[in-house]
Amino acid sequence: MALLRKVEPELLDQLPADDPRAVRSRHDLKLINALLFHTGMMAHGLIRHYGDDRPRTLIDLGAGDGTFMLGVARRLGSRWPNMNVVLLDRQNIVSGDTRAAFAALGWKVETVTADLFDFLARIGPARADVITANLFLHHFTSEQLAHLFMRAAPAARLFMACDPRRTAWVRESCRLLWALGCNEVSVHDAVASARAGFNGKELSALWPAGEACQLHEHAAGPFSHCFVARRTAIGHSSPDRRSEP
């Protein structure tokens, strides 16, 4: 039986940025992303789905300390030079070292500290070539995601997200992260993330029907779920709502 989706508060979101438990949990997230291969998944998906021409602007939603997107940038730098990347989060925790590492790749970084929905309400159509989100969409209810997608769809040519897959096996596996040295915040939040993850074509069903996009949604690896929406035309007529693996 499929697990019912349950969105619940995560501890990291409630801790001050300088709380030692939060600092440790952000370190744990780097390990978790490595185990999930999300950096490679994101980079490969962006290259595959964007097309042959080069984007110029990328917005990363829920960017945290920016190190995940830095890992993606290191894989994309030779293909996508001179990028402008906007790191959006509710806290400004991007270090000087991380900024310098982006600059060394030729990527110009802008950090924006704002509420996601306020930010999306302010940007206009075609504001970015690419919008990404990693381990982020599961924080939102279906109603919130539909609103997020309504704002994001006209803002970029390509939207891509990697999130947890919602299965009992993934949930129970998350409980074992303590064995890898993850702290109690990380273990709690990983289990909560698995409960709030996605299956099937749940995200495709929430994408606005009036947008001319190709939708790709699929399980990725043993723990992850990926969603891609690629604009196929300008305007809102004759939408292409194919959902492909």
C-alpha atoms as a PDB file:
ATOM      1  CA  MET A   1       0.000   0.000   0.000  1.00  0.00           C
ATOM      2  CA  ALA A   2       1.311   3.435  -0.924  1.00  0.00           C
ATOM      3  CA  LEU A   3       2.056   5.740   1.978  1.00  0.00           C
ATOM      4  CA  LEU A   4      -0.155   8.778   2.362  1.00  0.00           C
ATOM      5  CA  ARG A   5       1.800  11.967   1.965  1.00  0.00           C
ATOM      6  CA  LYS A   6       2.345  13.868   5.225  1.00  0.00           C
ATOM      7  CA  VAL A   7       4.037  17.282   5.429  1.00  0.00           C
ATOM      8  CA  GLU A   8       5.376  18.159   8.870  1.00  0.00           C
ATOM      9  CA  PRO A   9       7.806  20.763  10.264  1.00  0.00           C
ATOM     10  CA  GLU A  10      11.501  19.926  10.065  1.00  0.00           C
ATOM     11  CA  LEU A  11      13.847  20.807  12.907  1.00  0.00           C
ATOM     12  CA  LEU A  12      16.550  22.468  10.812  1.00  0.00           C
ATOM     13  CA  ASP A  13      14.061  25.032   9.546  1.00  0.00           C
ATOM     14  CA  GLN A  14      13.273  26.064  13.122  1.00  0.00           C
ATOM     15  CA  LEU A  15      16.840  26.420  14.443  1.00  0.00           C
ATOM     16  CA  PRO A  16      18.937  29.602  14.291  1.00  0.00           C
ATOM     17  CA  ALA A  17      21.561  29.387  11.560  1.00  0.00           C
ATOM     18  CA  ASP A  18      24.415  29.458  14.098  1.00  0.00           C
ATOM     19  CA  ASP A  19      22.963  26.804  16.410  1.00  0.00           C
ATOM     20  CA  PRO A  20      25.577  24.006  16.667  1.00  0.00           C
ATOM     21  CA  ARG A  21      22.928  21.406  15.836  1.00  0.00           C
ATOM     22  CA  ALA A  22      22.019  23.330  12.670  1.00  0.00           C
ATOM     23  CA  VAL A  23      25.662  23.703  11.665  1.00  0.00           C
ATOM     24  CA  ARG A  24      26.172  19.958  12.108  1.00  0.00           C
ATOM     25  CA  SER A  25      22.961  19.139  10.242  1.00  0.00           C
ATOM     26  CA  ARG A  26      24.021  21.238   7.249  1.00  0.00           C
ATOM     27  CA  HIS A  27      27.259  19.256   7.252  1.00  0.00           C
ATOM     28  CA  ASP A  28      25.197  16.047   7.330  1.00  0.00           C
ATOM     29  CA  LEU A  29      23.208  17.267   4.336  1.00  0.00           C
ATOM     30  CA  LYS A  30      26.391  17.295   2.259  1.00  0.00           C
ATOM     31  CA  LEU A  31      26.863  13.610   3.113  1.00  0.00           C
ATOM     32  CA  ILE A  32      23.226  12.824   2.357  1.00  0.00           C
ATOM     33  CA  ASN A  33      23.395  14.566  -1.025  1.00  0.00           C
ATOM     34  CA  ALA A  34      26.528  12.591  -1.837  1.00  0.00           C
ATOM     35  CA  LEU A  35      24.802   9.312  -0.920  1.00  0.00           C
ATOM     36  CA  LEU A  36      21.803  10.229  -3.044  1.00  0.00           C
ATOM     37  CA  PHE A  37      23.972  11.308  -6.025  1.00  0.00           C
ATOM     38  CA  HIS A  38      21.775  14.388  -6.338  1.00  0.00           C
ATOM     39  CA  THR A  39      24.594  16.600  -7.592  1.00  0.00           C
ATOM     40  CA  GLY A  40      25.145  14.329 -10.573  1.00  0.00           C
ATOM     41  CA  MET A  41      21.416  13.801 -11.112  1.00  0.00           C
ATOM     42  CA  MET A  42      20.787  17.532 -11.211  1.00  0.00           C
ATOM     43  CA  ALA A  43      23.711  18.314 -13.509  1.00  0.00           C
ATOM     44  CA  HIS A  44      22.877  15.468 -15.896  1.00  0.00           C
ATOM     45  CA  GLY A  45      19.191  16.403 -15.973  1.00  0.00           C
ATOM     46  CA  LEU A  46      19.897  20.054 -16.685  1.00  0.00           C
ATOM     47  CA  ILE A  47      22.209  19.211 -19.569  1.00  0.00           C
ATOM     48  CA  ARG A  48      19.801  16.634 -20.982  1.00  0.00           C
ATOM     49  CA  HIS A  49      16.658  18.730 -20.818  1.00  0.00           C
ATOM     50  CA  TYR A  50      17.817  22.283 -21.452  1.00  0.00           C
ATOM     51  CA  GLY A  51      18.956  21.759 -25.016  1.00  0.00           C
ATOM     52  CA  ASP A  52      21.977  22.713 -27.077  1.00  0.00           C
ATOM     53  CA  ASP A  53      22.094  26.444 -26.408  1.00  0.00           C
ATOM     54  CA  ARG A  54      23.540  27.859 -23.201  1.00  0.00           C
ATOM     55  CA  PRO A  55      21.482  29.378 -20.394  1.00  0.00           C
ATOM     56  CA  ARG A  56      22.608  32.564 -18.680  1.00  0.00           C
ATOM     57  CA  THR A  57      20.624  32.725 -15.434  1.00  0.00           C
ATOM     58  CA  LEU A  58      19.777  30.042 -12.885  1.00  0.00           C
ATOM     59  CA  ILE A  59      17.714  30.456  -9.703  1.00  0.00           C
ATOM     60  CA  ASP A  60      18.151  27.832  -6.980  1.00  0.00           C
ATOM     61  CA  LEU A  61      15.203  27.699  -4.565  1.00  0.00           C
ATOM     62  CA  GLY A  62      15.956  26.818  -0.949  1.00  0.00           C
ATOM     63  CA  ALA A  63      19.666  27.027  -1.692  1.00  0.00           C
ATOM     64  CA  GLY A  64      20.834  26.829   1.937  1.00  0.00           C
ATOM     65  CA  ASP A  65      24.573  27.418   2.188  1.00  0.00           C
ATOM     66  CA  GLY A  66      25.001  27.150  -1.595  1.00  0.00           C
ATOM     67  CA  THR A  67      27.325  24.152  -1.526  1.00  0.00           C
ATOM     68  CA  PHE A  68      24.912  21.852  -3.351  1.00  0.00           C
ATOM     69  CA  MET A  69      24.627  24.246  -6.290  1.00  0.00           C
ATOM     70  CA  LEU A  70      28.389  24.767  -6.182  1.00  0.00           C
ATOM     71  CA  GLY A  71      28.789  21.020  -6.740  1.00  0.00           C
ATOM     72  CA  VAL A  72      26.411  21.219  -9.692  1.00  0.00           C
ATOM     73  CA  ALA A  73      28.281  24.237 -11.048  1.00  0.00           C
ATOM     74  CA  ARG A  74      31.549  22.324 -10.956  1.00  0.00           C
ATOM     75  CA  ARG A  75      29.991  19.709 -13.230  1.00  0.00           C
ATOM     76  CA  LEU A  76      28.433  22.279 -15.564  1.00  0.00           C
ATOM     77  CA  GLY A  77      31.109  24.963 -15.641  1.00  0.00           C
ATOM     78  CA  SER A  78      32.770  23.946 -18.911  1.00  0.00           C
ATOM     79  CA  ARG A  79      29.424  23.540 -20.706  1.00  0.00           C
ATOM     80  CA  TRP A  80      27.665  26.528 -19.150  1.00  0.00           C
ATOM     81  CA  PRO A  81      30.293  29.273 -18.648  1.00  0.00           C
ATOM     82  CA  ASN A  82      29.637  32.773 -17.317  1.00  0.00           C
ATOM     83  CA  MET A  83      26.411  31.883 -15.552  1.00  0.00           C
ATOM     84  CA  ASN A  84      24.506  34.172 -13.210  1.00  0.00           C
ATOM     85  CA  VAL A  85      23.193  32.140 -10.287  1.00  0.00           C
ATOM     86  CA  VAL A  86      20.687  33.367  -7.701  1.00  0.00           C
ATOM     87  CA  LEU A  87      20.763  31.480  -4.396  1.00  0.00           C
ATOM     88  CA  LEU A  88      17.396  31.973  -2.666  1.00  0.00           C
ATOM     89  CA  ASP A  89      16.869  31.078   0.972  1.00  0.00           C
ATOM     90  CA  ARG A  90      15.245  32.433   4.098  1.00  0.00           C
ATOM     91  CA  GLN A  91      18.678  32.719   5.732  1.00  0.00           C
ATOM     92  CA  ASN A  92      21.862  34.227   4.316  1.00  0.00           C
ATOM     93  CA  ILE A  93      24.389  31.511   5.155  1.00  0.00           C
ATOM     94  CA  VAL A  94      26.501  31.398   1.982  1.00  0.00           C
ATOM     95  CA  SER A  95      30.145  31.677   3.061  1.00  0.00           C
ATOM     96  CA  GLY A  96      32.875  33.747   1.483  1.00  0.00           C
ATOM     97  CA  ASP A  97      34.682  30.562   0.498  1.00  0.00           C
ATOM     98  CA  THR A  98      31.632  29.328  -1.384  1.00  0.00           C
ATOM     99  CA  ARG A  99      31.270  32.651  -3.198  1.00  0.00           C
ATOM    100  CA  ALA A 100      34.951  32.525  -4.135  1.00  0.00           C
ATOM    101  CA  ALA A 101      34.587  28.978  -5.455  1.00  0.00           C
ATOM    102  CA  PHE A 102      31.718  30.080  -7.736  1.00  0.00           C
ATOM    103  CA  ALA A 103      33.808  33.015  -8.931  1.00  0.00           C
ATOM    104  CA  ALA A 104      36.696  30.672  -9.743  1.00  0.00           C
ATOM    105  CA  LEU A 105      34.334  28.826 -12.095  1.00  0.00           C
ATOM    106  CA  GLY A 106      33.326  32.076 -13.777  1.00  0.00           C
ATOM    107  CA  TRP A 107      29.842  32.026 -12.212  1.00  0.00           C
ATOM    108  CA  LYS A 108      28.484  35.257 -10.745  1.00  0.00           C
ATOM    109  CA  VAL A 109      26.540  34.676  -7.523  1.00  0.00           C
ATOM    110  CA  GLU A 110      23.696  36.706  -6.049  1.00  0.00           C
ATOM    111  CA  THR A 111      22.228  35.688  -2.692  1.00  0.00           C
ATOM    112  CA  VAL A 112      18.616  36.612  -1.967  1.00  0.00           C
ATOM    113  CA  THR A 113      17.169  36.307   1.530  1.00  0.00           C
ATOM    114  CA  ALA A 114      13.401  36.220   1.124  1.00  0.00           C
ATOM    115  CA  ASP A 115      10.250  34.201   1.454  1.00  0.00           C
ATOM    116  CA  LEU A 116       9.883  31.942  -1.572  1.00  0.00           C
ATOM    117  CA  PHE A 117       6.379  33.047  -2.501  1.00  0.00           C
ATOM    118  CA  ASP A 118       7.161  36.745  -2.054  1.00  0.00           C
ATOM    119  CA  PHE A 119      10.189  36.329  -4.312  1.00  0.00           C
ATOM    120  CA  LEU A 120       8.278  34.467  -7.025  1.00  0.00           C
ATOM    121  CA  ALA A 121       5.508  37.052  -6.909  1.00  0.00           C
ATOM    122  CA  ARG A 122       8.057  39.792  -7.638  1.00  0.00           C
ATOM    123  CA  ILE A 123       9.812  38.252 -10.616  1.00  0.00           C
ATOM    124  CA  GLY A 124       8.269  38.496 -14.024  1.00  0.00           C
ATOM    125  CA  PRO A 125       7.962  36.087 -16.955  1.00  0.00           C
ATOM    126  CA  ALA A 126      11.224  34.805 -18.424  1.00  0.00           C
ATOM    127  CA  ARG A 127      13.191  36.077 -15.410  1.00  0.00           C
ATOM    128  CA  ALA A 128      15.511  33.040 -15.541  1.00  0.00           C
ATOM    129  CA  ASP A 129      16.548  30.334 -17.955  1.00  0.00           C
ATOM    130  CA  VAL A 130      16.568  27.641 -15.247  1.00  0.00           C
ATOM    131  CA  ILE A 131      14.967  27.196 -11.820  1.00  0.00           C
ATOM    132  CA  THR A 132      16.186  24.356  -9.603  1.00  0.00           C
ATOM    133  CA  ALA A 133      15.210  22.916  -6.231  1.00  0.00           C
ATOM    134  CA  ASN A 134      16.971  20.165  -4.292  1.00  0.00           C
ATOM    135  CA  LEU A 135      15.368  18.415  -1.305  1.00  0.00           C
ATOM    136  CA  PHE A 136      12.969  21.346  -1.153  1.00  0.00           C
ATOM    137  CA  LEU A 137       9.560  20.724  -2.721  1.00  0.00           C
ATOM    138  CA  HIS A 138       8.621  18.153  -0.078  1.00  0.00           C
ATOM    139  CA  HIS A 139       8.347  20.978   2.482  1.00  0.00           C
ATOM    140  CA  PHE A 140       5.114  22.138   0.856  1.00  0.00           C
ATOM    141  CA  THR A 141       1.525  20.927   0.732  1.00  0.00           C
ATOM    142  CA  SER A 142      -0.086  20.154  -2.603  1.00  0.00           C
ATOM    143  CA  GLU A 143      -1.921  23.475  -2.498  1.00  0.00           C
ATOM    144  CA  GLN A 144       1.311  25.359  -1.848  1.00  0.00           C
ATOM    145  CA  LEU A 145       3.098  23.464  -4.619  1.00  0.00           C
ATOM    146  CA  ALA A 146       0.365  24.325  -7.107  1.00  0.00           C
ATOM    147  CA  HIS A 147       0.823  27.989  -6.205  1.00  0.00           C
ATOM    148  CA  LEU A 148       4.622  27.682  -6.429  1.00  0.00           C
ATOM    149  CA  PHE A 149       4.366  26.072  -9.868  1.00  0.00           C
ATOM    150  CA  MET A 150       1.908  28.704 -11.078  1.00  0.00           C
ATOM    151  CA  ARG A 151       4.514  31.365 -10.281  1.00  0.00           C
ATOM    152  CA  ALA A 152       7.567  29.417 -11.445  1.00  0.00           C
ATOM    153  CA  ALA A 153       6.173  28.116 -14.753  1.00  0.00           C
ATOM    154  CA  PRO A 154       6.270  31.413 -16.681  1.00  0.00           C
ATOM    155  CA  ALA A 155       9.504  32.534 -15.016  1.00  0.00           C
ATOM    156  CA  ALA A 156      11.912  30.025 -16.590  1.00  0.00           C
ATOM    157  CA  ARG A 157      12.453  27.825 -19.600  1.00  0.00           C
ATOM    158  CA  LEU A 158      13.379  24.811 -17.460  1.00  0.00           C
ATOM    159  CA  PHE A 159      12.365  23.793 -13.935  1.00  0.00           C
ATOM    160  CA  MET A 160      14.035  20.797 -12.261  1.00  0.00           C
ATOM    161  CA  ALA A 161      13.703  19.344  -8.767  1.00  0.00           C
ATOM    162  CA  CYS A 162      15.149  16.355  -6.903  1.00  0.00           C
ATOM    163  CA  ASP A 163      13.308  15.199  -3.794  1.00  0.00           C
ATOM    164  CA  PRO A 164      12.811  12.079  -1.669  1.00  0.00           C
ATOM    165  CA  ARG A 165      10.766   9.160  -2.909  1.00  0.00           C
ATOM    166  CA  ARG A 166       7.871   8.332  -0.575  1.00  0.00           C
ATOM    167  CA  THR A 167       8.073   4.655   0.375  1.00  0.00           C
ATOM    168  CA  ALA A 168       8.195   2.742   3.648  1.00  0.00           C
ATOM    169  CA  TRP A 169      11.639   1.408   2.700  1.00  0.00           C
ATOM    170  CA  VAL A 170      13.042   4.908   2.194  1.00  0.00           C
ATOM    171  CA  ARG A 171      11.472   6.106   5.452  1.00  0.00           C
ATOM    172  CA  GLU A 172      12.922   3.249   7.488  1.00  0.00           C
ATOM    173  CA  SER A 173      16.316   3.585   5.815  1.00  0.00           C
ATOM    174  CA  CYS A 174      16.428   7.227   6.923  1.00  0.00           C
ATOM    175  CA  ARG A 175      16.170   6.114  10.543  1.00  0.00           C
ATOM    176  CA  LEU A 176      19.606   4.478  10.146  1.00  0.00           C
ATOM    177  CA  LEU A 177      21.450   7.684   9.246  1.00  0.00           C
ATOM    178  CA  TRP A 178      22.691   7.899  12.843  1.00  0.00           C
ATOM    179  CA  ALA A 179      25.011   4.999  11.977  1.00  0.00           C
ATOM    180  CA  LEU A 180      26.780   7.304   9.503  1.00  0.00           C
ATOM    181  CA  GLY A 181      27.301   9.940  12.183  1.00  0.00           C
ATOM    182  CA  CYS A 182      24.296  12.144  11.377  1.00  0.00           C
ATOM    183  CA  ASN A 183      22.852  14.006  14.359  1.00  0.00           C
ATOM    184  CA  GLU A 184      19.321  13.825  15.742  1.00  0.00           C
ATOM    185  CA  VAL A 185      18.187  16.835  13.696  1.00  0.00           C
ATOM    186  CA  SER A 186      19.289  15.212  10.448  1.00  0.00           C
ATOM    187  CA  VAL A 187      17.703  11.838  11.287  1.00  0.00           C
ATOM    188  CA  HIS A 188      14.395  13.442  12.302  1.00  0.00           C
ATOM    189  CA  ASP A 189      14.297  15.614   9.193  1.00  0.00           C
ATOM    190  CA  ALA A 190      15.249  12.771   6.844  1.00  0.00           C
ATOM    191  CA  VAL A 191      12.365  10.641   8.133  1.00  0.00           C
ATOM    192  CA  ALA A 192       9.998  13.619   7.841  1.00  0.00           C
ATOM    193  CA  SER A 193      11.263  14.233   4.300  1.00  0.00           C
ATOM    194  CA  ALA A 194      10.519  10.638   3.304  1.00  0.00           C
ATOM    195  CA  ARG A 195       6.956  10.957   4.624  1.00  0.00           C
ATOM    196  CA  ALA A 196       6.493  14.121   2.569  1.00  0.00           C
ATOM    197  CA  GLY A 197       8.172  12.852  -0.604  1.00  0.00           C
ATOM    198  CA  PHE A 198       6.617  11.997  -3.946  1.00  0.00           C
ATOM    199  CA  ASN A 199       5.572   9.088  -6.129  1.00  0.00           C
ATOM    200  CA  GLY A 200       4.257   8.532  -9.618  1.00  0.00           C
ATOM    201  CA  LYS A 201       3.186  11.711 -11.416  1.00  0.00           C
ATOM    202  CA  GLU A 202       2.089  13.680  -8.352  1.00  0.00           C
ATOM    203  CA  LEU A 203       4.090  16.783  -9.219  1.00  0.00           C
ATOM    204  CA  SER A 204       3.109  16.692 -12.892  1.00  0.00           C
ATOM    205  CA  ALA A 205      -0.531  16.804 -11.820  1.00  0.00           C
ATOM    206  CA  LEU A 206       0.120  20.078  -9.981  1.00  0.00           C
ATOM    207  CA  TRP A 207       1.897  21.859 -12.856  1.00  0.00           C
ATOM    208  CA  PRO A 208      -0.382  24.526 -14.390  1.00  0.00           C
ATOM    209  CA  ALA A 209      -2.325  23.069 -17.304  1.00  0.00           C
ATOM    210  CA  GLY A 210      -2.134  26.273 -19.348  1.00  0.00           C
ATOM    211  CA  GLU A 211       1.646  26.110 -19.748  1.00  0.00           C
ATOM    212  CA  ALA A 212       3.139  24.660 -22.944  1.00  0.00           C
ATOM    213  CA  CYS A 213       5.628  22.302 -21.324  1.00  0.00           C
ATOM    214  CA  GLN A 214       7.005  18.806 -21.543  1.00  0.00           C
ATOM    215  CA  LEU A 215       6.855  17.149 -18.144  1.00  0.00           C
ATOM    216  CA  HIS A 216       9.220  14.384 -17.028  1.00  0.00           C
ATOM    217  CA  GLU A 217       8.737  12.744 -13.640  1.00  0.00           C
ATOM    218  CA  HIS A 218      10.325   9.521 -12.432  1.00  0.00           C
ATOM    219  CA  ALA A 219      11.975   7.591  -9.635  1.00  0.00           C
ATOM    220  CA  ALA A 220      15.753   8.057  -9.564  1.00  0.00           C
ATOM    221  CA  GLY A 221      17.998   5.600  -7.764  1.00  0.00           C
ATOM    222  CA  PRO A 222      16.706   3.823  -4.657  1.00  0.00           C
ATOM    223  CA  PHE A 223      15.750   6.940  -2.665  1.00  0.00           C
ATOM    224  CA  SER A 224      14.964   9.833  -4.987  1.00  0.00           C
ATOM    225  CA  HIS A 225      12.247  11.313  -7.172  1.00  0.00           C
ATOM    226  CA  CYS A 226      12.915  13.793  -9.999  1.00  0.00           C
ATOM    227  CA  PHE A 227      10.644  16.238 -11.774  1.00  0.00           C
ATOM    228  CA  VAL A 228      11.407  18.332 -14.856  1.00  0.00           C
ATOM    229  CA  ALA A 229       9.210  20.829 -16.695  1.00  0.00           C
ATOM    230  CA  ARG A 230      10.596  22.208 -19.958  1.00  0.00           C
ATOM    231  CA  ARG A 231       8.869  25.002 -21.817  1.00  0.00           C
ATOM    232  CA  THR A 232       8.194  24.055 -25.429  1.00  0.00           C
ATOM    233  CA  ALA A 233       6.536  27.245 -26.676  1.00  0.00           C
ATOM    234  CA  ILE A 234       5.848  30.841 -25.800  1.00  0.00           C
ATOM    235  CA  GLY A 235       2.288  31.537 -24.775  1.00  0.00           C
ATOM    236  CA  HIS A 236      -0.509  29.458 -23.333  1.00  0.00           C
ATOM    237  CA  SER A 237      -2.188  27.731 -26.253  1.00  0.00           C
ATOM    238  CA  SER A 238      -2.102  24.044 -27.184  1.00  0.00           C
ATOM    239  CA  PRO A 239      -0.168  22.898 -24.112  1.00  0.00           C
ATOM    240  CA  ASP A 240       1.982  19.790 -24.428  1.00  0.00           C
ATOM    241  CA  ARG A 241       1.479  17.915 -21.153  1.00  0.00           C
ATOM    242  CA  ARG A 242       3.329  14.722 -21.976  1.00  0.00           C
ATOM    243  CA  SER A 243       4.779  13.145 -18.898  1.00  0.00           C
ATOM    244  CA  GLU A 244       7.796  11.013 -19.714  1.00  0.00           C
ATOM    245  CA  PRO A 245      10.445   9.109 -17.792  1.00  0.00           C
END
